[in-house]
Amino acid sequence: MRFNHLALAAGAAIAVGSAAPIVQAFPIFTVPVGNSSFEANDESNSPYASPALDVWTKAPVPQYLIDQVQAYLEGLGDPNAAIEAPAIAAGQFDQAVGTFNAVGSITPGHNGNGSPTTGFQGLNGAYMFPTPGNGISQDTGIGAINANYQVGALYQLTVAVNGGGNMDLNVPLDISLYYLDNSNVPTVIPGAMVEALNQNAPGNAISFLTDYSVNLPEVQSTDAWANRPIGVQIYSPYALAVNGVGYWDIDNVRLAAVPEPTTVLLLSMVAAGAGLRRRRRA
């Protein structure tokens, strides 16, 4: 599991994520995120959404959903309700997050005017219902991040999101950084989380996505996450929107890092040396 109900890491509190950029005085490096703009599952020629979602791990089926399905089957007099409920619930929950074509001419319902929604990167995006416990994550594995938190480095995670359908205003979506401990247990880093808030009034089409960022201060050698695998999580902590289920549109997941001072110094020396050689040739 990779999700928000896991215990937070012990240690000193870290500044809450915000939209503020990483300090620009040092070079910024991109940490590749697998299927970051959800292009791996090509829905560009389809008007339909798909539960397919490569690289990312979906949240496990919450027990409350299994219980609801079992109660429904029992109400129908099904003697095998307890046996059948988990598989039925899993099938339903699998549909709660996936990919779709984000080009306006194919899916005009997302923007209402046939033009692309501002903020998407590429042709596809991810959708996520605001169902409690719904979410996606990635850390290690084929095509995933596969990188560790480096001592002395600062990190910034940015995700473009907005809500649609009949979702209420200010319904939250949690975006966070986590790490895998020595037992490979995923643990959200304290304070390394930001709540994206739906800015789209119920019933309006989605015409834009908004960037939300989580900023992780310099990693210390004493931090529990130092030199441990990096994890990214997008998670719905909230109950269903009052005016209907609605949905989140999600795209363009980016992870940036400012390296430790030693690396910055070495890079600066290399750059200075290259500049000196060019001047000598001139």
C-alpha atoms as a PDB file:
ATOM      1  CA  MET A   1       0.000   0.000   0.000  1.00  0.00           C
ATOM      2  CA  ARG A   2       1.124   3.570  -0.668  1.00  0.00           C
ATOM      3  CA  PHE A   3      -1.620   5.598   0.896  1.00  0.00           C
ATOM      4  CA  ASN A   4      -2.430   8.333   3.353  1.00  0.00           C
ATOM      5  CA  HIS A   5      -3.800   6.199   6.173  1.00  0.00           C
ATOM      6  CA  LEU A   6      -0.232   4.991   6.808  1.00  0.00           C
ATOM      7  CA  ALA A   7       1.496   6.421   9.862  1.00  0.00           C
ATOM      8  CA  LEU A   8       3.453   9.625   9.404  1.00  0.00           C
ATOM      9  CA  ALA A   9       7.190   9.425   9.907  1.00  0.00           C
ATOM     10  CA  ALA A  10       8.583  10.355  13.291  1.00  0.00           C
ATOM     11  CA  GLY A  11      10.793  13.425  13.500  1.00  0.00           C
ATOM     12  CA  ALA A  12      10.763  17.190  13.387  1.00  0.00           C
ATOM     13  CA  ALA A  13       7.966  18.886  11.470  1.00  0.00           C
ATOM     14  CA  ILE A  14       8.700  20.051   7.949  1.00  0.00           C
ATOM     15  CA  ALA A  15       7.263  23.132   6.296  1.00  0.00           C
ATOM     16  CA  VAL A  16       3.910  22.490   4.646  1.00  0.00           C
ATOM     17  CA  GLY A  17       3.949  22.303   0.869  1.00  0.00           C
ATOM     18  CA  SER A  18       3.046  25.428  -1.064  1.00  0.00           C
ATOM     19  CA  ALA A  19       3.102  26.892  -4.529  1.00  0.00           C
ATOM     20  CA  ALA A  20       6.430  28.660  -3.821  1.00  0.00           C
ATOM     21  CA  PRO A  21       9.219  27.576  -6.211  1.00  0.00           C
ATOM     22  CA  ILE A  22      12.496  26.010  -5.137  1.00  0.00           C
ATOM     23  CA  VAL A  23      15.217  28.630  -4.619  1.00  0.00           C
ATOM     24  CA  GLN A  24      16.660  29.411  -8.033  1.00  0.00           C
ATOM     25  CA  ALA A  25      20.234  30.169  -6.900  1.00  0.00           C
ATOM     26  CA  PHE A  26      21.272  26.542  -7.580  1.00  0.00           C
ATOM     27  CA  PRO A  27      20.746  24.335 -10.638  1.00  0.00           C
ATOM     28  CA  ILE A  28      17.482  22.393 -10.570  1.00  0.00           C
ATOM     29  CA  PHE A  29      17.348  18.822 -11.790  1.00  0.00           C
ATOM     30  CA  THR A  30      14.317  16.847 -12.868  1.00  0.00           C
ATOM     31  CA  VAL A  31      13.689  13.547 -11.111  1.00  0.00           C
ATOM     32  CA  PRO A  32      11.810  11.464 -13.718  1.00  0.00           C
ATOM     33  CA  VAL A  33       8.308  10.373 -12.696  1.00  0.00           C
ATOM     34  CA  GLY A  34       6.949   7.405 -14.617  1.00  0.00           C
ATOM     35  CA  ASN A  35       3.926   8.096 -16.839  1.00  0.00           C
ATOM     36  CA  SER A  36       3.943  11.615 -15.431  1.00  0.00           C
ATOM     37  CA  SER A  37       1.397  13.019 -17.885  1.00  0.00           C
ATOM     38  CA  PHE A  38      -0.515   9.734 -18.296  1.00  0.00           C
ATOM     39  CA  GLU A  39       0.446   9.323 -21.949  1.00  0.00           C
ATOM     40  CA  ALA A  40       1.387   5.633 -21.554  1.00  0.00           C
ATOM     41  CA  ASN A  41      -2.289   4.689 -21.844  1.00  0.00           C
ATOM     42  CA  ASP A  42      -3.247   6.329 -25.133  1.00  0.00           C
ATOM     43  CA  GLU A  43      -6.860   7.502 -25.089  1.00  0.00           C
ATOM     44  CA  SER A  44      -6.268  10.255 -27.683  1.00  0.00           C
ATOM     45  CA  ASN A  45      -8.644   8.752 -30.238  1.00  0.00           C
ATOM     46  CA  SER A  46     -11.380   7.733 -27.833  1.00  0.00           C
ATOM     47  CA  PRO A  47     -14.232   9.749 -26.311  1.00  0.00           C
ATOM     48  CA  TYR A  48     -14.288   7.343 -23.371  1.00  0.00           C
ATOM     49  CA  ALA A  49     -12.289   7.114 -20.179  1.00  0.00           C
ATOM     50  CA  SER A  50     -10.390   3.953 -19.267  1.00  0.00           C
ATOM     51  CA  PRO A  51      -9.351   2.488 -15.881  1.00  0.00           C
ATOM     52  CA  ALA A  52      -5.964   1.612 -17.421  1.00  0.00           C
ATOM     53  CA  LEU A  53      -3.116   3.346 -15.574  1.00  0.00           C
ATOM     54  CA  ASP A  54       0.423   2.170 -16.275  1.00  0.00           C
ATOM     55  CA  VAL A  55       3.260   2.541 -13.728  1.00  0.00           C
ATOM     56  CA  TRP A  56       1.064   4.069 -11.014  1.00  0.00           C
ATOM     57  CA  THR A  57      -0.289   1.886  -8.181  1.00  0.00           C
ATOM     58  CA  LYS A  58      -3.959   2.251  -7.343  1.00  0.00           C
ATOM     59  CA  ALA A  59      -5.191   2.336  -3.733  1.00  0.00           C
ATOM     60  CA  PRO A  60      -6.471  -0.938  -2.265  1.00  0.00           C
ATOM     61  CA  VAL A  61     -10.229  -1.430  -2.102  1.00  0.00           C
ATOM     62  CA  PRO A  62     -11.478   0.200   1.141  1.00  0.00           C
ATOM     63  CA  GLN A  63     -13.335  -2.061   3.543  1.00  0.00           C
ATOM     64  CA  TYR A  64     -16.339   0.260   3.710  1.00  0.00           C
ATOM     65  CA  LEU A  65     -17.014  -0.363   0.011  1.00  0.00           C
ATOM     66  CA  ILE A  66     -16.842  -4.127   0.451  1.00  0.00           C
ATOM     67  CA  ASP A  67     -19.261  -3.838   3.371  1.00  0.00           C
ATOM     68  CA  GLN A  68     -21.673  -1.737   1.287  1.00  0.00           C
ATOM     69  CA  VAL A  69     -21.663  -4.257  -1.559  1.00  0.00           C
ATOM     70  CA  GLN A  70     -22.154  -7.146   0.844  1.00  0.00           C
ATOM     71  CA  ALA A  71     -25.092  -5.417   2.519  1.00  0.00           C
ATOM     72  CA  TYR A  72     -26.670  -4.763  -0.880  1.00  0.00           C
ATOM     73  CA  LEU A  73     -26.302  -8.413  -1.931  1.00  0.00           C
ATOM     74  CA  GLU A  74     -27.661  -9.616   1.377  1.00  0.00           C
ATOM     75  CA  GLY A  75     -30.660  -7.341   0.853  1.00  0.00           C
ATOM     76  CA  LEU A  76     -31.274  -9.194  -2.402  1.00  0.00           C
ATOM     77  CA  GLY A  77     -31.175 -12.471  -0.508  1.00  0.00           C
ATOM     78  CA  ASP A  78     -27.842 -13.613  -1.977  1.00  0.00           C
ATOM     79  CA  PRO A  79     -26.540 -16.457   0.242  1.00  0.00           C
ATOM     80  CA  ASN A  80     -22.989 -15.946  -1.091  1.00  0.00           C
ATOM     81  CA  ALA A  81     -22.873 -12.209  -0.437  1.00  0.00           C
ATOM     82  CA  ALA A  82     -19.812 -12.358   1.832  1.00  0.00           C
ATOM     83  CA  ILE A  83     -17.870 -14.377  -0.735  1.00  0.00           C
ATOM     84  CA  GLU A  84     -18.871 -12.341  -3.777  1.00  0.00           C
ATOM     85  CA  ALA A  85     -18.642  -8.832  -2.293  1.00  0.00           C
ATOM     86  CA  PRO A  86     -14.823  -8.361  -2.376  1.00  0.00           C
ATOM     87  CA  ALA A  87     -14.524  -9.114  -6.096  1.00  0.00           C
ATOM     88  CA  ILE A  88     -17.509  -6.954  -7.019  1.00  0.00           C
ATOM     89  CA  ALA A  89     -16.222  -4.074  -4.901  1.00  0.00           C
ATOM     90  CA  ALA A  90     -12.771  -4.395  -6.488  1.00  0.00           C
ATOM     91  CA  GLY A  91     -14.293  -4.140  -9.955  1.00  0.00           C
ATOM     92  CA  GLN A  92     -16.223  -1.022  -8.995  1.00  0.00           C
ATOM     93  CA  PHE A  93     -13.277   0.629  -7.267  1.00  0.00           C
ATOM     94  CA  ASP A  94     -10.974  -0.029 -10.210  1.00  0.00           C
ATOM     95  CA  GLN A  95     -13.184   2.314 -12.269  1.00  0.00           C
ATOM     96  CA  ALA A  96     -12.688   5.145  -9.757  1.00  0.00           C
ATOM     97  CA  VAL A  97      -9.375   6.262 -11.284  1.00  0.00           C
ATOM     98  CA  GLY A  98      -7.930   5.997 -14.782  1.00  0.00           C
ATOM     99  CA  THR A  99      -7.031   7.923 -17.923  1.00  0.00           C
ATOM    100  CA  PHE A 100      -8.941   9.869 -20.568  1.00  0.00           C
ATOM    101  CA  ASN A 101      -8.376  11.956 -23.673  1.00  0.00           C
ATOM    102  CA  ALA A 102      -7.818  15.571 -22.629  1.00  0.00           C
ATOM    103  CA  VAL A 103      -8.165  17.105 -26.108  1.00  0.00           C
ATOM    104  CA  GLY A 104     -11.228  19.357 -26.167  1.00  0.00           C
ATOM    105  CA  SER A 105     -12.442  18.332 -29.607  1.00  0.00           C
ATOM    106  CA  ILE A 106     -12.855  14.748 -28.392  1.00  0.00           C
ATOM    107  CA  THR A 107     -14.050  15.350 -24.831  1.00  0.00           C
ATOM    108  CA  PRO A 108     -15.847  18.720 -24.931  1.00  0.00           C
ATOM    109  CA  GLY A 109     -17.592  17.944 -21.649  1.00  0.00           C
ATOM    110  CA  HIS A 110     -14.402  18.781 -19.830  1.00  0.00           C
ATOM    111  CA  ASN A 111     -14.217  22.323 -21.121  1.00  0.00           C
ATOM    112  CA  GLY A 112     -17.577  22.902 -22.774  1.00  0.00           C
ATOM    113  CA  ASN A 113     -16.306  24.760 -25.838  1.00  0.00           C
ATOM    114  CA  GLY A 114     -14.255  22.254 -27.828  1.00  0.00           C
ATOM    115  CA  SER A 115     -10.896  23.837 -26.959  1.00  0.00           C
ATOM    116  CA  PRO A 116      -8.123  22.186 -24.912  1.00  0.00           C
ATOM    117  CA  THR A 117      -8.179  22.615 -21.158  1.00  0.00           C
ATOM    118  CA  THR A 118      -5.348  24.873 -19.963  1.00  0.00           C
ATOM    119  CA  GLY A 119      -2.730  23.045 -17.906  1.00  0.00           C
ATOM    120  CA  PHE A 120      -2.653  19.633 -19.581  1.00  0.00           C
ATOM    121  CA  GLN A 121       0.645  18.255 -20.837  1.00  0.00           C
ATOM    122  CA  GLY A 122       0.211  16.075 -23.916  1.00  0.00           C
ATOM    123  CA  LEU A 123      -3.011  14.458 -25.095  1.00  0.00           C
ATOM    124  CA  ASN A 124      -4.127  12.489 -22.046  1.00  0.00           C
ATOM    125  CA  GLY A 125      -4.834  13.078 -18.372  1.00  0.00           C
ATOM    126  CA  ALA A 126      -5.958  11.105 -15.354  1.00  0.00           C
ATOM    127  CA  TYR A 127      -9.379  11.258 -13.725  1.00  0.00           C
ATOM    128  CA  MET A 128     -10.069  10.397 -10.093  1.00  0.00           C
ATOM    129  CA  PHE A 129     -13.398  10.234  -8.295  1.00  0.00           C
ATOM    130  CA  PRO A 130     -13.392  11.920  -4.848  1.00  0.00           C
ATOM    131  CA  THR A 131     -14.272   8.584  -3.272  1.00  0.00           C
ATOM    132  CA  PRO A 132     -12.834   8.224   0.257  1.00  0.00           C
ATOM    133  CA  GLY A 133      -9.638   6.200   0.101  1.00  0.00           C
ATOM    134  CA  ASN A 134      -9.183   6.582  -3.645  1.00  0.00           C
ATOM    135  CA  GLY A 135      -5.686   7.382  -4.838  1.00  0.00           C
ATOM    136  CA  ILE A 136      -2.566   6.559  -6.838  1.00  0.00           C
ATOM    137  CA  SER A 137       1.124   6.378  -5.978  1.00  0.00           C
ATOM    138  CA  GLN A 138       4.513   5.321  -7.290  1.00  0.00           C
ATOM    139  CA  ASP A 139       8.011   4.747  -5.921  1.00  0.00           C
ATOM    140  CA  THR A 140      10.055   1.818  -7.252  1.00  0.00           C
ATOM    141  CA  GLY A 141       9.437  -0.677 -10.017  1.00  0.00           C
ATOM    142  CA  ILE A 142       9.491  -0.834 -13.793  1.00  0.00           C
ATOM    143  CA  GLY A 143       9.155   2.669 -15.216  1.00  0.00           C
ATOM    144  CA  ALA A 144       8.636   4.294 -11.777  1.00  0.00           C
ATOM    145  CA  ILE A 145      10.678   6.988 -10.019  1.00  0.00           C
ATOM    146  CA  ASN A 146      13.412   4.616  -8.776  1.00  0.00           C
ATOM    147  CA  ALA A 147      15.404   7.331  -6.994  1.00  0.00           C
ATOM    148  CA  ASN A 148      16.418   7.993  -3.379  1.00  0.00           C
ATOM    149  CA  TYR A 149      16.266  11.149  -1.254  1.00  0.00           C
ATOM    150  CA  GLN A 150      19.803  12.566  -1.344  1.00  0.00           C
ATOM    151  CA  VAL A 151      21.300  14.144   1.766  1.00  0.00           C
ATOM    152  CA  GLY A 152      21.660  17.901   1.272  1.00  0.00           C
ATOM    153  CA  ALA A 153      19.126  18.091  -1.558  1.00  0.00           C
ATOM    154  CA  LEU A 154      15.820  19.971  -1.608  1.00  0.00           C
ATOM    155  CA  TYR A 155      12.774  18.607  -3.462  1.00  0.00           C
ATOM    156  CA  GLN A 156       9.637  20.026  -5.007  1.00  0.00           C
ATOM    157  CA  LEU A 157       6.673  17.955  -6.214  1.00  0.00           C
ATOM    158  CA  THR A 158       4.155  19.728  -8.470  1.00  0.00           C
ATOM    159  CA  VAL A 159       0.856  18.365  -9.815  1.00  0.00           C
ATOM    160  CA  ALA A 160      -1.756  20.090 -12.005  1.00  0.00           C
ATOM    161  CA  VAL A 161      -5.354  19.413 -10.862  1.00  0.00           C
ATOM    162  CA  ASN A 162      -8.919  20.710 -10.795  1.00  0.00           C
ATOM    163  CA  GLY A 163     -12.366  19.328 -10.053  1.00  0.00           C
ATOM    164  CA  GLY A 164     -15.394  18.892 -12.290  1.00  0.00           C
ATOM    165  CA  GLY A 165     -18.862  17.429 -12.527  1.00  0.00           C
ATOM    166  CA  ASN A 166     -20.883  18.329  -9.447  1.00  0.00           C
ATOM    167  CA  MET A 167     -18.001  18.420  -7.008  1.00  0.00           C
ATOM    168  CA  ASP A 168     -18.377  21.080  -4.329  1.00  0.00           C
ATOM    169  CA  LEU A 169     -15.943  23.972  -4.100  1.00  0.00           C
ATOM    170  CA  ASN A 170     -12.894  23.446  -1.847  1.00  0.00           C
ATOM    171  CA  VAL A 171     -13.133  19.650  -1.751  1.00  0.00           C
ATOM    172  CA  PRO A 172      -9.486  18.628  -0.994  1.00  0.00           C
ATOM    173  CA  LEU A 173      -7.114  16.288  -2.757  1.00  0.00           C
ATOM    174  CA  ASP A 174      -3.923  15.397  -0.872  1.00  0.00           C
ATOM    175  CA  ILE A 175      -0.614  15.498  -2.759  1.00  0.00           C
ATOM    176  CA  SER A 176       2.382  14.229  -0.810  1.00  0.00           C
ATOM    177  CA  LEU A 177       5.905  12.868  -0.768  1.00  0.00           C
ATOM    178  CA  TYR A 178       6.663   9.668   1.117  1.00  0.00           C
ATOM    179  CA  TYR A 179       9.549   7.240   1.489  1.00  0.00           C
ATOM    180  CA  LEU A 180      10.019   3.500   1.872  1.00  0.00           C
ATOM    181  CA  ASP A 181      11.568   2.590   5.215  1.00  0.00           C
ATOM    182  CA  ASN A 182      14.031  -0.257   5.817  1.00  0.00           C
ATOM    183  CA  SER A 183      11.133  -2.716   5.713  1.00  0.00           C
ATOM    184  CA  ASN A 184       9.800  -1.076   2.502  1.00  0.00           C
ATOM    185  CA  VAL A 185       6.827   0.312   4.404  1.00  0.00           C
ATOM    186  CA  PRO A 186       5.625   3.541   2.716  1.00  0.00           C
ATOM    187  CA  THR A 187       5.486   6.477   5.117  1.00  0.00           C
ATOM    188  CA  VAL A 188       4.366  10.037   4.373  1.00  0.00           C
ATOM    189  CA  ILE A 189       7.032  12.582   5.346  1.00  0.00           C
ATOM    190  CA  PRO A 190       5.698  14.961   8.039  1.00  0.00           C
ATOM    191  CA  GLY A 191       4.591  18.239   6.486  1.00  0.00           C
ATOM    192  CA  ALA A 192       5.459  17.117   2.948  1.00  0.00           C
ATOM    193  CA  MET A 193       1.856  17.326   1.822  1.00  0.00           C
ATOM    194  CA  VAL A 194      -0.376  19.972   0.268  1.00  0.00           C
ATOM    195  CA  GLU A 195      -4.145  19.971  -0.165  1.00  0.00           C
ATOM    196  CA  ALA A 196      -5.328  20.906  -3.623  1.00  0.00           C
ATOM    197  CA  LEU A 197      -8.759  22.536  -3.374  1.00  0.00           C
ATOM    198  CA  ASN A 198     -11.391  22.309  -6.076  1.00  0.00           C
ATOM    199  CA  GLN A 199     -11.750  25.758  -7.669  1.00  0.00           C
ATOM    200  CA  ASN A 200     -14.511  24.832 -10.088  1.00  0.00           C
ATOM    201  CA  ALA A 201     -18.130  25.560  -9.153  1.00  0.00           C
ATOM    202  CA  PRO A 202     -20.518  22.565  -9.309  1.00  0.00           C
ATOM    203  CA  GLY A 203     -21.764  21.937 -12.838  1.00  0.00           C
ATOM    204  CA  ASN A 204     -19.032  23.912 -14.591  1.00  0.00           C
ATOM    205  CA  ALA A 205     -16.826  22.283 -17.199  1.00  0.00           C
ATOM    206  CA  ILE A 206     -13.094  22.146 -16.431  1.00  0.00           C
ATOM    207  CA  SER A 207     -11.345  24.881 -18.424  1.00  0.00           C
ATOM    208  CA  PHE A 208      -8.057  24.994 -16.490  1.00  0.00           C
ATOM    209  CA  LEU A 209      -5.817  23.001 -14.166  1.00  0.00           C
ATOM    210  CA  THR A 210      -3.979  24.601 -11.246  1.00  0.00           C
ATOM    211  CA  ASP A 211      -0.458  23.683 -10.133  1.00  0.00           C
ATOM    212  CA  TYR A 212      -0.019  22.669  -6.492  1.00  0.00           C
ATOM    213  CA  SER A 213       3.442  22.096  -5.049  1.00  0.00           C
ATOM    214  CA  VAL A 214       4.944  20.297  -2.073  1.00  0.00           C
ATOM    215  CA  ASN A 215       8.308  21.660  -0.936  1.00  0.00           C
ATOM    216  CA  LEU A 216      10.657  19.412   1.034  1.00  0.00           C
ATOM    217  CA  PRO A 217      13.495  21.261   2.802  1.00  0.00           C
ATOM    218  CA  GLU A 218      17.096  20.108   2.684  1.00  0.00           C
ATOM    219  CA  VAL A 219      17.390  16.433   3.534  1.00  0.00           C
ATOM    220  CA  GLN A 220      19.516  15.858   6.637  1.00  0.00           C
ATOM    221  CA  SER A 221      21.620  12.748   7.270  1.00  0.00           C
ATOM    222  CA  THR A 222      19.563  12.149  10.421  1.00  0.00           C
ATOM    223  CA  ASP A 223      16.227  12.185   8.582  1.00  0.00           C
ATOM    224  CA  ALA A 224      14.484   8.826   8.418  1.00  0.00           C
ATOM    225  CA  TRP A 225      13.973   9.335   4.679  1.00  0.00           C
ATOM    226  CA  ALA A 226      17.614  10.128   3.904  1.00  0.00           C
ATOM    227  CA  ASN A 227      18.896   7.788   1.164  1.00  0.00           C
ATOM    228  CA  ARG A 228      15.544   5.969   1.084  1.00  0.00           C
ATOM    229  CA  PRO A 229      13.353   5.510  -2.034  1.00  0.00           C
ATOM    230  CA  ILE A 230      11.227   8.500  -3.104  1.00  0.00           C
ATOM    231  CA  GLY A 231       7.461   8.058  -3.290  1.00  0.00           C
ATOM    232  CA  VAL A 232       4.728  10.273  -4.755  1.00  0.00           C
ATOM    233  CA  GLN A 233       1.087   9.986  -3.672  1.00  0.00           C
ATOM    234  CA  ILE A 234      -2.184  11.599  -4.855  1.00  0.00           C
ATOM    235  CA  TYR A 235      -4.995  10.674  -2.492  1.00  0.00           C
ATOM    236  CA  SER A 236      -8.666  11.510  -1.853  1.00  0.00           C
ATOM    237  CA  PRO A 237      -9.235  11.879   1.913  1.00  0.00           C
ATOM    238  CA  TYR A 238     -12.734  13.269   1.667  1.00  0.00           C
ATOM    239  CA  ALA A 239     -16.299  12.004   1.635  1.00  0.00           C
ATOM    240  CA  LEU A 240     -18.294  12.236  -1.580  1.00  0.00           C
ATOM    241  CA  ALA A 241     -19.145  15.778  -2.645  1.00  0.00           C
ATOM    242  CA  VAL A 242     -22.532  16.938  -1.399  1.00  0.00           C
ATOM    243  CA  ASN A 243     -23.856  17.817  -4.858  1.00  0.00           C
ATOM    244  CA  GLY A 244     -22.748  14.604  -6.560  1.00  0.00           C
ATOM    245  CA  VAL A 245     -19.713  12.442  -7.091  1.00  0.00           C
ATOM    246  CA  GLY A 246     -17.822  14.708  -9.496  1.00  0.00           C
ATOM    247  CA  TYR A 247     -14.231  13.973 -10.473  1.00  0.00           C
ATOM    248  CA  TRP A 248     -10.691  15.303 -10.380  1.00  0.00           C
ATOM    249  CA  ASP A 249      -8.648  15.899 -13.532  1.00  0.00           C
ATOM    250  CA  ILE A 250      -4.936  15.342 -12.867  1.00  0.00           C
ATOM    251  CA  ASP A 251      -1.891  15.823 -15.091  1.00  0.00           C
ATOM    252  CA  ASN A 252       1.749  16.860 -15.445  1.00  0.00           C
ATOM    253  CA  VAL A 253       3.293  15.359 -12.296  1.00  0.00           C
ATOM    254  CA  ARG A 254       6.752  16.902 -11.850  1.00  0.00           C
ATOM    255  CA  LEU A 255       9.513  16.271  -9.308  1.00  0.00           C
ATOM    256  CA  ALA A 256      12.493  18.619  -9.110  1.00  0.00           C
ATOM    257  CA  ALA A 257      15.592  18.563  -6.909  1.00  0.00           C
ATOM    258  CA  VAL A 258      18.333  20.984  -5.957  1.00  0.00           C
ATOM    259  CA  PRO A 259      21.417  18.837  -5.268  1.00  0.00           C
ATOM    260  CA  GLU A 260      23.668  18.926  -2.242  1.00  0.00           C
ATOM    261  CA  PRO A 261      26.214  21.801  -2.102  1.00  0.00           C
ATOM    262  CA  THR A 262      29.150  19.513  -3.041  1.00  0.00           C
ATOM    263  CA  THR A 263      27.466  18.541  -6.287  1.00  0.00           C
ATOM    264  CA  VAL A 264      26.575  22.174  -6.998  1.00  0.00           C
ATOM    265  CA  LEU A 265      30.225  23.177  -6.443  1.00  0.00           C
ATOM    266  CA  LEU A 266      31.513  20.449  -8.764  1.00  0.00           C
ATOM    267  CA  LEU A 267      29.019  21.397 -11.467  1.00  0.00           C
ATOM    268  CA  SER A 268      29.979  25.057 -11.109  1.00  0.00           C
ATOM    269  CA  MET A 269      33.664  24.167 -11.467  1.00  0.00           C
ATOM    270  CA  VAL A 270      32.960  22.083 -14.574  1.00  0.00           C
ATOM    271  CA  ALA A 271      30.902  24.893 -16.090  1.00  0.00           C
ATOM    272  CA  ALA A 272      33.595  27.449 -15.267  1.00  0.00           C
ATOM    273  CA  GLY A 273      36.258  25.219 -16.823  1.00  0.00           C
ATOM    274  CA  ALA A 274      34.216  24.794 -19.980  1.00  0.00           C
ATOM    275  CA  GLY A 275      33.771  28.554 -20.230  1.00  0.00           C
ATOM    276  CA  LEU A 276      37.498  29.138 -19.783  1.00  0.00           C
ATOM    277  CA  ARG A 277      38.321  26.658 -22.563  1.00  0.00           C
ATOM    278  CA  ARG A 278      35.889  28.393 -24.915  1.00  0.00           C
ATOM    279  CA  ARG A 279      37.459  31.787 -24.184  1.00  0.00           C
ATOM    280  CA  ARG A 280      40.974  30.389 -24.843  1.00  0.00           C
ATOM    281  CA  ARG A 281      39.858  28.970 -28.197  1.00  0.00           C
ATOM    282  CA  ALA A 282      38.366  32.330 -29.104  1.00  0.00           C
END
